[in-house]
């Protein structure tokens, strides 16, 4: 089953928010629902931004490694 990109992105945001809120609510000391929901609103974009940055950094490193291997083999770089 494939989902349209906007629906997939919305689903990822909602699931990330739910996980953050539940984690804050049910961790060892726990907290009330109000602060957990507010922290979830702040932490969700941060978590998604960090995930995007990590994927971008790994992608850049992979492309750089491929170019370096191509140079060592004497192939022309793309």
Protein backbone atom coordinates (compact mmCIF):
# COMPACT_ATOMS: atom_id res chain seq x y z
CA UNK A 1 0.00 0.00 0.00
CA UNK A 2 1.40 3.37 -0.98
CA UNK A 3 0.25 6.62 0.52
CA UNK A 4 0.33 10.05 -1.10
CA UNK A 5 3.29 12.12 0.14
CA UNK A 6 1.19 14.74 2.04
CA UNK A 7 -0.72 12.00 3.86
CA UNK A 8 2.49 10.14 4.66
CA UNK A 9 4.07 13.33 6.05
CA UNK A 10 0.98 14.10 8.15
CA UNK A 11 0.97 10.56 9.52
CA UNK A 12 4.65 10.81 10.47
CA UNK A 13 4.05 14.12 12.28
CA UNK A 14 1.03 12.79 14.19
CA UNK A 15 2.80 9.57 15.20
CA UNK A 16 5.90 11.47 16.30
CA UNK A 17 3.76 13.81 18.40
CA UNK A 18 1.93 10.88 19.99
CA UNK A 19 5.16 9.07 20.83
CA UNK A 20 6.71 12.19 22.38
CA UNK A 21 3.60 12.91 24.46
CA UNK A 22 3.27 9.32 25.68
CA UNK A 23 6.97 9.17 26.49
CA UNK A 24 6.76 12.35 28.56
CA UNK A 25 3.57 11.21 30.29
CA UNK A 26 4.65 7.70 31.22
CA UNK A 27 8.38 8.03 31.90
CA UNK A 28 9.66 7.15 35.35
CA UNK A 29 8.57 10.30 37.23
CA UNK A 30 5.82 11.09 34.75
CA UNK A 31 4.09 14.41 34.29
CA UNK A 32 0.56 15.64 33.87
CA UNK A 33 -1.12 15.58 30.47
CA UNK A 34 -1.05 19.38 30.02
CA UNK A 35 2.70 19.87 30.15
CA UNK A 36 3.27 16.64 28.19
CA UNK A 37 1.05 17.91 25.37
CA UNK A 38 2.80 21.29 25.32
CA UNK A 39 6.27 19.76 25.33
CA UNK A 40 5.13 17.46 22.54
CA UNK A 41 4.25 20.52 20.45
CA UNK A 42 7.78 21.84 20.92
CA UNK A 43 9.67 18.58 20.65
CA UNK A 44 7.96 17.16 17.54
CA UNK A 45 9.32 19.70 15.03
CA UNK A 46 12.74 19.47 16.67
CA UNK A 47 12.79 15.67 16.40
CA UNK A 48 11.70 15.78 12.75
CA UNK A 49 14.29 18.46 11.94
CA UNK A 50 17.04 16.40 13.56
CA UNK A 51 15.94 13.32 11.62
CA UNK A 52 15.94 15.26 8.34
CA UNK A 53 19.39 16.71 9.11
CA UNK A 54 20.79 13.28 9.90
CA UNK A 55 19.47 11.82 6.64
CA UNK A 56 20.90 14.75 4.69
CA UNK A 57 24.30 14.45 6.37
CA UNK A 58 24.47 10.69 5.75
CA UNK A 59 23.47 11.21 2.11
CA UNK A 60 26.19 13.81 1.60
CA UNK A 61 28.78 11.54 3.19
CA UNK A 62 27.70 8.64 0.97
CA UNK A 63 27.97 10.73 -2.21
CA UNK A 64 31.38 12.05 -1.13
CA UNK A 65 32.61 8.52 -0.47
CA UNK A 66 31.37 7.35 -3.86
CA UNK A 67 33.20 10.22 -5.58
CA UNK A 68 36.40 9.44 -3.65
CA UNK A 69 36.21 5.75 -4.62
CA UNK A 70 35.63 6.71 -8.25
CA UNK A 71 38.70 8.97 -8.19
CA UNK A 72 40.83 6.19 -6.70
CA UNK A 73 39.72 3.84 -9.46
CA UNK A 74 40.51 6.50 -12.04
CA UNK A 75 36.95 6.95 -13.21
CA UNK A 76 35.52 10.31 -14.13
CA UNK A 77 33.41 11.91 -11.42
CA UNK A 78 29.76 12.64 -12.21
